[in-house]
Amino acid sequence: MFWSKNTPHKFMPKRVIDALKANFNEHELVQLSRFGTPIQVDAGTNLTIEGTLGQQALVMVDGTASVIRHGEKIATIKAGEVIGEIALLTGEPRTATVVADTDATVYALSPRDFTSLLAHCPRLEKQIASGAVRRITAA
């Protein structure tokens, strides 16, 4: 059977679309639903661990998470933000630990799916790369 995802409203809950629409356009939401896997995480879960190899990128749908570098909290992640992209873009170890502050929903992307998402979404690729460069240079 052939089917296509041509609108996020058919494949994502409205609450997810509402949470992400500030950072993702409709095409990008469709691609995220295609390549990403929605996951529920509990408060206190390590989403990334500083110094380890990157195994996935995550898109925060709801909840918040703390970014911790060298034992110090440096930022808070909220809906629509991407986690773990620097390690996947550079191939270098994780630059920070990210811990869920609250129960949360994330879209998980394997390295292959992350690359495919960016290949299908040039605007998103530029946005993510620019953000990663800003964070690397600020460190």
Protein backbone atom coordinates (compact mmCIF):
# COMPACT_ATOMS: atom_id res chain seq x y z
CA MET A 1 0.00 0.00 0.00
CA PHE A 2 1.35 3.43 -0.94
CA TRP A 3 0.73 6.44 1.24
CA SER A 4 2.51 9.73 1.76
CA LYS A 5 2.83 12.20 4.58
CA ASN A 6 1.92 15.48 2.98
CA THR A 7 0.61 17.35 5.99
CA PRO A 8 1.66 17.08 9.63
CA HIS A 9 -1.97 17.25 10.75
CA LYS A 10 -2.46 13.69 9.49
CA PHE A 11 0.55 12.27 11.32
CA MET A 12 1.25 14.38 14.41
CA PRO A 13 -0.96 15.26 17.34
CA LYS A 14 -2.09 18.89 17.38
CA ARG A 15 -0.22 19.49 20.66
CA VAL A 16 3.05 18.48 18.95
CA ILE A 17 2.41 20.73 15.96
CA ASP A 18 1.52 23.62 18.27
CA ALA A 19 4.71 23.09 20.32
CA LEU A 20 7.00 22.96 17.30
CA LYS A 21 5.45 25.37 14.79
CA ALA A 22 7.51 28.33 16.02
CA ASN A 23 10.73 26.60 14.91
CA PHE A 24 9.56 24.20 12.19
CA ASN A 25 7.53 24.95 9.07
CA GLU A 26 4.89 22.52 7.78
CA HIS A 27 7.28 20.71 5.41
CA GLU A 28 9.81 20.27 8.23
CA LEU A 29 7.13 18.88 10.55
CA VAL A 30 6.15 16.34 7.89
CA GLN A 31 9.79 15.30 7.53
CA LEU A 32 10.27 15.15 11.31
CA SER A 33 7.24 12.85 11.57
CA ARG A 34 8.76 10.74 8.80
CA PHE A 35 12.28 10.39 10.22
CA GLY A 36 11.83 10.91 13.96
CA THR A 37 10.51 8.61 16.65
CA PRO A 38 8.43 10.17 19.45
CA ILE A 39 9.67 9.11 22.89
CA GLN A 40 8.39 9.86 26.40
CA VAL A 41 11.15 10.51 28.96
CA ASP A 42 10.92 10.86 32.72
CA ALA A 43 12.24 13.80 34.71
CA GLY A 44 15.87 13.15 35.62
CA THR A 45 16.65 11.19 32.44
CA ASN A 46 20.04 11.93 30.85
CA LEU A 47 19.30 12.84 27.25
CA THR A 48 22.99 13.26 26.42
CA ILE A 49 26.16 12.71 28.42
CA GLU A 50 29.15 15.04 28.06
CA GLY A 51 32.18 13.36 26.50
CA THR A 52 30.32 10.41 24.94
CA LEU A 53 29.84 9.77 21.25
CA GLY A 54 26.62 11.06 19.73
CA GLN A 55 24.14 8.30 18.97
CA GLN A 56 21.12 10.50 18.24
CA ALA A 57 19.73 14.00 18.01
CA LEU A 58 16.54 14.93 19.83
CA VAL A 59 13.85 17.54 19.23
CA MET A 60 12.18 18.68 22.46
CA VAL A 61 8.40 18.67 22.08
CA ASP A 62 7.32 19.45 25.63
CA GLY A 63 8.91 19.75 29.03
CA THR A 64 12.28 21.31 29.76
CA ALA A 65 15.85 20.09 30.14
CA SER A 66 19.02 21.51 31.64
CA VAL A 67 22.29 21.75 29.71
CA ILE A 68 25.23 21.04 32.01
CA ARG A 69 28.86 21.54 31.00
CA HIS A 70 31.70 20.69 33.40
CA GLY A 71 29.14 20.31 36.20
CA GLU A 72 27.63 23.79 35.72
CA LYS A 73 24.17 24.52 34.30
CA ILE A 74 24.60 26.73 31.26
CA ALA A 75 21.20 26.69 29.53
CA THR A 76 17.63 25.40 29.54
CA ILE A 77 16.14 23.54 26.58
CA LYS A 78 12.46 24.03 25.76
CA ALA A 79 9.96 22.99 23.08
CA GLY A 80 11.21 23.20 19.51
CA GLU A 81 14.90 23.09 20.37
CA VAL A 82 17.30 20.45 19.09
CA ILE A 83 19.59 18.49 21.43
CA GLY A 84 22.70 16.54 20.48
CA GLU A 85 23.12 17.94 16.99
CA ILE A 86 26.68 19.22 17.54
CA ALA A 87 28.08 15.72 18.08
CA LEU A 88 26.30 14.45 14.98
CA LEU A 89 27.41 17.40 12.84
CA THR A 90 31.06 17.31 13.96
CA GLY A 91 31.63 13.65 14.84
CA GLU A 92 33.18 14.88 18.10
CA PRO A 93 32.11 13.74 21.59
CA ARG A 94 29.12 15.40 23.26
CA THR A 95 29.91 18.91 24.48
CA ALA A 96 27.44 18.80 27.39
CA THR A 97 25.12 16.65 29.43
CA VAL A 98 21.41 17.35 28.99
CA VAL A 99 19.05 16.20 31.75
CA ALA A 100 15.25 16.30 31.54
CA ASP A 101 13.95 18.66 34.25
CA THR A 102 10.39 17.44 33.79
CA ASP A 103 8.63 14.54 32.15
CA ALA A 104 9.00 15.29 28.46
CA THR A 105 8.33 14.20 24.91
CA VAL A 106 11.13 14.23 22.36
CA TYR A 107 11.51 13.15 18.75
CA ALA A 108 14.61 10.94 18.51
CA LEU A 109 16.66 10.86 15.31
CA SER A 110 19.42 8.35 14.60
CA PRO A 111 22.49 9.80 12.84
CA ARG A 112 21.15 8.49 9.52
CA ASP A 113 17.66 9.92 10.12
CA PHE A 114 19.13 13.25 11.29
CA THR A 115 21.17 13.47 8.07
CA SER A 116 18.08 12.59 6.00
CA LEU A 117 15.97 15.20 7.81
CA LEU A 118 18.55 17.90 7.09
CA ALA A 119 18.90 16.78 3.46
CA HIS A 120 15.14 17.16 2.98
CA CYS A 121 14.94 20.47 4.87
CA PRO A 122 17.62 22.97 3.73
CA ARG A 123 16.19 25.84 5.80
CA LEU A 124 16.23 23.69 8.92
CA GLU A 125 19.76 22.49 8.12
CA LYS A 126 20.98 26.10 7.97
CA GLN A 127 19.12 26.99 11.19
CA ILE A 128 20.55 24.01 13.09
CA ALA A 129 24.09 24.51 11.77
CA SER A 130 24.02 28.23 12.65
CA GLY A 131 22.81 27.48 16.16
CA ALA A 132 25.49 24.84 16.64
CA VAL A 133 28.22 27.24 15.51
CA ARG A 134 26.95 29.92 17.91
CA ARG A 135 27.02 27.49 20.83
CA ILE A 136 30.46 26.13 19.95
CA THR A 137 31.99 29.60 19.67
CA ALA A 138 30.31 30.71 22.92
CA ALA A 139 31.90 27.78 24.75
